Amino acid sequence: MSVMRAPATVDDDRYTAARDFLDRLTAKARPDCQLELWNAATRRSAYFGSADLDGAARLVAESDGDVYVNSGASASKRPAERRMSASDVEYALAAVADLDVKSGAFTSKDAARAFLDTLV
Protein backbone atom coordinates (compact mmCIF):
# COMPACT_ATOMS: atom_id res chain seq x y z
CA MET A 1 0.00 0.00 0.00
CA SER A 2 1.10 3.55 -0.61
CA VAL A 3 0.73 6.13 2.13
CA MET A 4 -0.68 9.64 1.76
CA ARG A 5 -0.49 12.09 4.66
CA ALA A 6 -3.56 14.23 5.27
CA PRO A 7 -4.53 17.01 7.70
CA ALA A 8 -7.49 17.02 10.11
CA THR A 9 -9.64 19.26 7.91
CA VAL A 10 -10.28 19.43 4.19
CA ASP A 11 -7.29 21.06 2.56
CA ASP A 12 -7.56 21.96 -1.12
CA ASP A 13 -3.84 21.28 -1.69
CA ARG A 14 -4.10 17.85 -0.06
CA TYR A 15 -7.27 17.05 -1.98
CA THR A 16 -5.62 18.09 -5.26
CA ALA A 17 -2.47 16.07 -4.52
CA ALA A 18 -4.53 13.00 -3.56
CA ARG A 19 -6.73 13.32 -6.65
CA ASP A 20 -3.67 13.65 -8.90
CA PHE A 21 -2.09 10.56 -7.31
CA LEU A 22 -5.30 8.54 -7.69
CA ASP A 23 -5.77 9.69 -11.30
CA ARG A 24 -2.26 8.48 -12.14
CA LEU A 25 -2.69 5.22 -10.23
CA THR A 26 -5.94 4.34 -11.99
CA ALA A 27 -5.16 5.80 -15.44
CA LYS A 28 -5.18 2.35 -17.05
CA ALA A 29 -7.43 0.59 -14.56
CA ARG A 30 -10.41 -1.42 -15.64
CA PRO A 31 -13.72 0.50 -15.49
CA ASP A 32 -14.98 -1.83 -12.74
CA CYS A 33 -11.96 -1.13 -10.54
CA GLN A 34 -12.66 -1.05 -6.79
CA LEU A 35 -9.89 0.86 -5.05
CA GLU A 36 -9.24 0.22 -1.35
CA LEU A 37 -8.18 3.06 0.94
CA TRP A 38 -7.36 2.15 4.53
CA ASN A 39 -7.58 4.91 7.13
CA ALA A 40 -5.00 4.36 9.88
CA ALA A 41 -6.84 6.68 12.31
CA THR A 42 -10.14 4.79 12.09
CA ARG A 43 -8.56 1.42 11.18
CA ARG A 44 -11.25 0.95 8.52
CA SER A 45 -11.21 0.37 4.80
CA ALA A 46 -13.25 2.33 2.32
CA TYR A 47 -13.80 1.24 -1.26
CA PHE A 48 -14.25 3.57 -4.20
CA GLY A 49 -15.00 2.78 -7.81
CA SER A 50 -12.67 4.28 -10.40
CA ALA A 51 -15.53 6.65 -11.29
CA ASP A 52 -15.57 8.06 -7.71
CA LEU A 53 -12.01 9.32 -7.29
CA ASP A 54 -13.42 12.61 -5.92
CA GLY A 55 -14.83 10.68 -2.96
CA ALA A 56 -11.53 8.88 -2.43
CA ALA A 57 -9.54 12.14 -2.56
CA ARG A 58 -11.96 13.75 -0.11
CA LEU A 59 -11.47 10.86 2.34
CA VAL A 60 -7.71 11.51 2.23
CA ALA A 61 -8.13 15.28 2.64
CA GLU A 62 -10.50 14.87 5.61
CA SER A 63 -8.46 12.21 7.42
CA ASP A 64 -6.73 12.85 10.74
CA GLY A 65 -3.85 10.55 9.86
CA ASP A 66 -2.27 8.36 7.24
CA VAL A 67 -4.35 6.80 4.49
CA TYR A 68 -2.97 3.80 2.64
CA VAL A 69 -3.92 2.87 -0.92
CA ASN A 70 -3.83 -0.79 -1.83
CA SER A 71 -1.82 -1.46 -4.99
CA GLY A 72 -4.17 -4.36 -5.75
CA ALA A 73 -7.72 -3.90 -6.96
CA SER A 74 -10.89 -5.91 -7.24
CA ALA A 75 -13.91 -5.79 -9.50
CA SER A 76 -16.24 -6.61 -6.62
CA LYS A 77 -17.05 -4.51 -3.56
CA ARG A 78 -15.72 -5.55 -0.17
CA PRO A 79 -17.17 -4.92 3.30
CA ALA A 80 -15.63 -1.84 4.95
CA GLU A 81 -14.86 -3.74 8.15
CA ARG A 82 -12.25 -5.88 6.43
CA ARG A 83 -9.15 -5.10 4.45
CA MET A 84 -8.59 -6.71 1.08
CA SER A 85 -6.49 -9.87 1.32
CA ALA A 86 -4.15 -11.28 -1.31
CA SER A 87 -6.87 -13.71 -2.42
CA ASP A 88 -9.26 -10.78 -3.03
CA VAL A 89 -6.92 -9.01 -5.46
CA GLU A 90 -7.99 -9.56 -9.04
CA TYR A 91 -5.40 -7.31 -10.69
CA ALA A 92 -2.58 -4.92 -9.78
CA LEU A 93 -2.73 -1.15 -10.11
CA ALA A 94 0.99 -0.70 -9.46
CA ALA A 95 4.19 -2.53 -8.69
CA VAL A 96 5.47 -1.53 -5.26
CA ALA A 97 8.94 -2.04 -3.83
CA ASP A 98 10.56 -1.33 -0.48
CA LEU A 99 14.21 -0.42 -1.09
CA ASP A 100 16.37 -0.34 2.02
CA VAL A 101 19.38 1.95 2.32
CA LYS A 102 21.56 0.28 4.94
CA SER A 103 24.37 -2.18 5.34
CA GLY A 104 23.70 -5.30 3.26
CA ALA A 105 21.27 -3.46 0.95
CA PHE A 106 21.68 -0.27 -1.09
CA THR A 107 24.60 1.79 0.19
CA SER A 108 22.98 5.15 -0.60
CA LYS A 109 19.79 6.74 -1.88
CA ASP A 110 21.63 7.46 -5.13
CA ALA A 111 22.37 3.73 -5.53
CA ALA A 112 18.70 2.90 -4.94
CA ARG A 113 17.62 5.55 -7.48
CA ALA A 114 20.12 4.20 -10.02
CA PHE A 115 18.58 0.75 -9.59
CA LEU A 116 15.08 2.17 -10.15
CA ASP A 117 16.30 3.90 -13.30
CA THR A 118 17.19 0.49 -14.75
CA LEU A 119 13.55 -0.62 -14.43
CA VAL A 120 11.98 2.03 -16.64
C-alpha atoms as a PDB file:
ATOM      1  CA  MET A   1       0.000   0.000   0.000  1.00  0.00           C
ATOM      2  CA  SER A   2       1.097   3.551  -0.613  1.00  0.00           C
ATOM      3  CA  VAL A   3       0.734   6.133   2.128  1.00  0.00           C
ATOM      4  CA  MET A   4      -0.684   9.639   1.758  1.00  0.00           C
ATOM      5  CA  ARG A   5      -0.495  12.087   4.658  1.00  0.00           C
ATOM      6  CA  ALA A   6      -3.563  14.225   5.271  1.00  0.00           C
ATOM      7  CA  PRO A   7      -4.532  17.011   7.697  1.00  0.00           C
ATOM      8  CA  ALA A   8      -7.490  17.017  10.105  1.00  0.00           C
ATOM      9  CA  THR A   9      -9.639  19.259   7.909  1.00  0.00           C
ATOM     10  CA  VAL A  10     -10.276  19.426   4.188  1.00  0.00           C
ATOM     11  CA  ASP A  11      -7.292  21.055   2.564  1.00  0.00           C
ATOM     12  CA  ASP A  12      -7.557  21.964  -1.123  1.00  0.00           C
ATOM     13  CA  ASP A  13      -3.844  21.280  -1.692  1.00  0.00           C
ATOM     14  CA  ARG A  14      -4.099  17.849  -0.060  1.00  0.00           C
ATOM     15  CA  TYR A  15      -7.267  17.052  -1.977  1.00  0.00           C
ATOM     16  CA  THR A  16      -5.624  18.086  -5.257  1.00  0.00           C
ATOM     17  CA  ALA A  17      -2.472  16.068  -4.524  1.00  0.00           C
ATOM     18  CA  ALA A  18      -4.533  12.995  -3.564  1.00  0.00           C
ATOM     19  CA  ARG A  19      -6.732  13.322  -6.649  1.00  0.00           C
ATOM     20  CA  ASP A  20      -3.675  13.646  -8.904  1.00  0.00           C
ATOM     21  CA  PHE A  21      -2.085  10.558  -7.312  1.00  0.00           C
ATOM     22  CA  LEU A  22      -5.296   8.543  -7.691  1.00  0.00           C
ATOM     23  CA  ASP A  23      -5.771   9.692 -11.301  1.00  0.00           C
ATOM     24  CA  ARG A  24      -2.264   8.480 -12.141  1.00  0.00           C
ATOM     25  CA  LEU A  25      -2.690   5.221 -10.228  1.00  0.00           C
ATOM     26  CA  THR A  26      -5.939   4.343 -11.987  1.00  0.00           C
ATOM     27  CA  ALA A  27      -5.163   5.796 -15.437  1.00  0.00           C
ATOM     28  CA  LYS A  28      -5.179   2.354 -17.049  1.00  0.00           C
ATOM     29  CA  ALA A  29      -7.431   0.594 -14.561  1.00  0.00           C
ATOM     30  CA  ARG A  30     -10.414  -1.424 -15.643  1.00  0.00           C
ATOM     31  CA  PRO A  31     -13.719   0.497 -15.486  1.00  0.00           C
ATOM     32  CA  ASP A  32     -14.979  -1.834 -12.738  1.00  0.00           C
ATOM     33  CA  CYS A  33     -11.959  -1.126 -10.538  1.00  0.00           C
ATOM     34  CA  GLN A  34     -12.658  -1.055  -6.793  1.00  0.00           C
ATOM     35  CA  LEU A  35      -9.886   0.858  -5.053  1.00  0.00           C
ATOM     36  CA  GLU A  36      -9.237   0.216  -1.349  1.00  0.00           C
ATOM     37  CA  LEU A  37      -8.179   3.060   0.940  1.00  0.00           C
ATOM     38  CA  TRP A  38      -7.363   2.145   4.528  1.00  0.00           C
ATOM     39  CA  ASN A  39      -7.580   4.915   7.128  1.00  0.00           C
ATOM     40  CA  ALA A  40      -5.003   4.358   9.878  1.00  0.00           C
ATOM     41  CA  ALA A  41      -6.836   6.684  12.305  1.00  0.00           C
ATOM     42  CA  THR A  42     -10.138   4.786  12.093  1.00  0.00           C
ATOM     43  CA  ARG A  43      -8.562   1.422  11.177  1.00  0.00           C
ATOM     44  CA  ARG A  44     -11.245   0.948   8.525  1.00  0.00           C
ATOM     45  CA  SER A  45     -11.214   0.370   4.804  1.00  0.00           C
ATOM     46  CA  ALA A  46     -13.255   2.328   2.320  1.00  0.00           C
ATOM     47  CA  TYR A  47     -13.800   1.245  -1.257  1.00  0.00           C
ATOM     48  CA  PHE A  48     -14.248   3.566  -4.204  1.00  0.00           C
ATOM     49  CA  GLY A  49     -14.996   2.783  -7.814  1.00  0.00           C
ATOM     50  CA  SER A  50     -12.670   4.284 -10.396  1.00  0.00           C
ATOM     51  CA  ALA A  51     -15.526   6.647 -11.291  1.00  0.00           C
ATOM     52  CA  ASP A  52     -15.569   8.056  -7.711  1.00  0.00           C
ATOM     53  CA  LEU A  53     -12.014   9.325  -7.293  1.00  0.00           C
ATOM     54  CA  ASP A  54     -13.421  12.607  -5.922  1.00  0.00           C
ATOM     55  CA  GLY A  55     -14.826  10.684  -2.956  1.00  0.00           C
ATOM     56  CA  ALA A  56     -11.526   8.880  -2.430  1.00  0.00           C
ATOM     57  CA  ALA A  57      -9.537  12.143  -2.560  1.00  0.00           C
ATOM     58  CA  ARG A  58     -11.963  13.753  -0.105  1.00  0.00           C
ATOM     59  CA  LEU A  59     -11.467  10.865   2.338  1.00  0.00           C
ATOM     60  CA  VAL A  60      -7.711  11.513   2.235  1.00  0.00           C
ATOM     61  CA  ALA A  61      -8.126  15.279   2.642  1.00  0.00           C
ATOM     62  CA  GLU A  62     -10.495  14.874   5.612  1.00  0.00           C
ATOM     63  CA  SER A  63      -8.462  12.214   7.421  1.00  0.00           C
ATOM     64  CA  ASP A  64      -6.729  12.853  10.745  1.00  0.00           C
ATOM     65  CA  GLY A  65      -3.849  10.545   9.857  1.00  0.00           C
ATOM     66  CA  ASP A  66      -2.267   8.360   7.241  1.00  0.00           C
ATOM     67  CA  VAL A  67      -4.349   6.796   4.495  1.00  0.00           C
ATOM     68  CA  TYR A  68      -2.971   3.801   2.640  1.00  0.00           C
ATOM     69  CA  VAL A  69      -3.923   2.875  -0.921  1.00  0.00           C
ATOM     70  CA  ASN A  70      -3.833  -0.788  -1.833  1.00  0.00           C
ATOM     71  CA  SER A  71      -1.822  -1.464  -4.986  1.00  0.00           C
ATOM     72  CA  GLY A  72      -4.170  -4.359  -5.753  1.00  0.00           C
ATOM     73  CA  ALA A  73      -7.722  -3.905  -6.960  1.00  0.00           C
ATOM     74  CA  SER A  74     -10.887  -5.911  -7.239  1.00  0.00           C
ATOM     75  CA  ALA A  75     -13.908  -5.795  -9.498  1.00  0.00           C
ATOM     76  CA  SER A  76     -16.244  -6.608  -6.619  1.00  0.00           C
ATOM     77  CA  LYS A  77     -17.053  -4.514  -3.558  1.00  0.00           C
ATOM     78  CA  ARG A  78     -15.723  -5.549  -0.166  1.00  0.00           C
ATOM     79  CA  PRO A  79     -17.169  -4.924   3.298  1.00  0.00           C
ATOM     80  CA  ALA A  80     -15.630  -1.842   4.951  1.00  0.00           C
ATOM     81  CA  GLU A  81     -14.862  -3.739   8.145  1.00  0.00           C
ATOM     82  CA  ARG A  82     -12.252  -5.882   6.431  1.00  0.00           C
ATOM     83  CA  ARG A  83      -9.152  -5.105   4.449  1.00  0.00           C
ATOM     84  CA  MET A  84      -8.594  -6.711   1.080  1.00  0.00           C
ATOM     85  CA  SER A  85      -6.492  -9.868   1.321  1.00  0.00           C
ATOM     86  CA  ALA A  86      -4.148 -11.283  -1.309  1.00  0.00           C
ATOM     87  CA  SER A  87      -6.866 -13.715  -2.419  1.00  0.00           C
ATOM     88  CA  ASP A  88      -9.259 -10.775  -3.031  1.00  0.00           C
ATOM     89  CA  VAL A  89      -6.915  -9.007  -5.457  1.00  0.00           C
ATOM     90  CA  GLU A  90      -7.986  -9.557  -9.038  1.00  0.00           C
ATOM     91  CA  TYR A  91      -5.395  -7.313 -10.686  1.00  0.00           C
ATOM     92  CA  ALA A  92      -2.582  -4.919  -9.785  1.00  0.00           C
ATOM     93  CA  LEU A  93      -2.725  -1.154 -10.114  1.00  0.00           C
ATOM     94  CA  ALA A  94       0.990  -0.702  -9.462  1.00  0.00           C
ATOM     95  CA  ALA A  95       4.185  -2.535  -8.693  1.00  0.00           C
ATOM     96  CA  VAL A  96       5.468  -1.531  -5.265  1.00  0.00           C
ATOM     97  CA  ALA A  97       8.940  -2.043  -3.830  1.00  0.00           C
ATOM     98  CA  ASP A  98      10.556  -1.330  -0.483  1.00  0.00           C
ATOM     99  CA  LEU A  99      14.209  -0.425  -1.086  1.00  0.00           C
ATOM    100  CA  ASP A 100      16.370  -0.345   2.025  1.00  0.00           C
ATOM    101  CA  VAL A 101      19.375   1.954   2.324  1.00  0.00           C
ATOM    102  CA  LYS A 102      21.562   0.283   4.938  1.00  0.00           C
ATOM    103  CA  SER A 103      24.369  -2.182   5.335  1.00  0.00           C
ATOM    104  CA  GLY A 104      23.696  -5.295   3.258  1.00  0.00           C
ATOM    105  CA  ALA A 105      21.273  -3.457   0.953  1.00  0.00           C
ATOM    106  CA  PHE A 106      21.676  -0.273  -1.092  1.00  0.00           C
ATOM    107  CA  THR A 107      24.604   1.785   0.192  1.00  0.00           C
ATOM    108  CA  SER A 108      22.976   5.150  -0.597  1.00  0.00           C
ATOM    109  CA  LYS A 109      19.792   6.738  -1.880  1.00  0.00           C
ATOM    110  CA  ASP A 110      21.630   7.456  -5.133  1.00  0.00           C
ATOM    111  CA  ALA A 111      22.374   3.734  -5.526  1.00  0.00           C
ATOM    112  CA  ALA A 112      18.696   2.900  -4.941  1.00  0.00           C
ATOM    113  CA  ARG A 113      17.620   5.549  -7.483  1.00  0.00           C
ATOM    114  CA  ALA A 114      20.123   4.199 -10.016  1.00  0.00           C
ATOM    115  CA  PHE A 115      18.576   0.751  -9.585  1.00  0.00           C
ATOM    116  CA  LEU A 116      15.085   2.171 -10.152  1.00  0.00           C
ATOM    117  CA  ASP A 117      16.297   3.904 -13.295  1.00  0.00           C
ATOM    118  CA  THR A 118      17.190   0.488 -14.749  1.00  0.00           C
ATOM    119  CA  LEU A 119      13.554  -0.622 -14.430  1.00  0.00           C
ATOM    120  CA  VAL A 120      11.977   2.033 -16.636  1.00  0.00           C
END
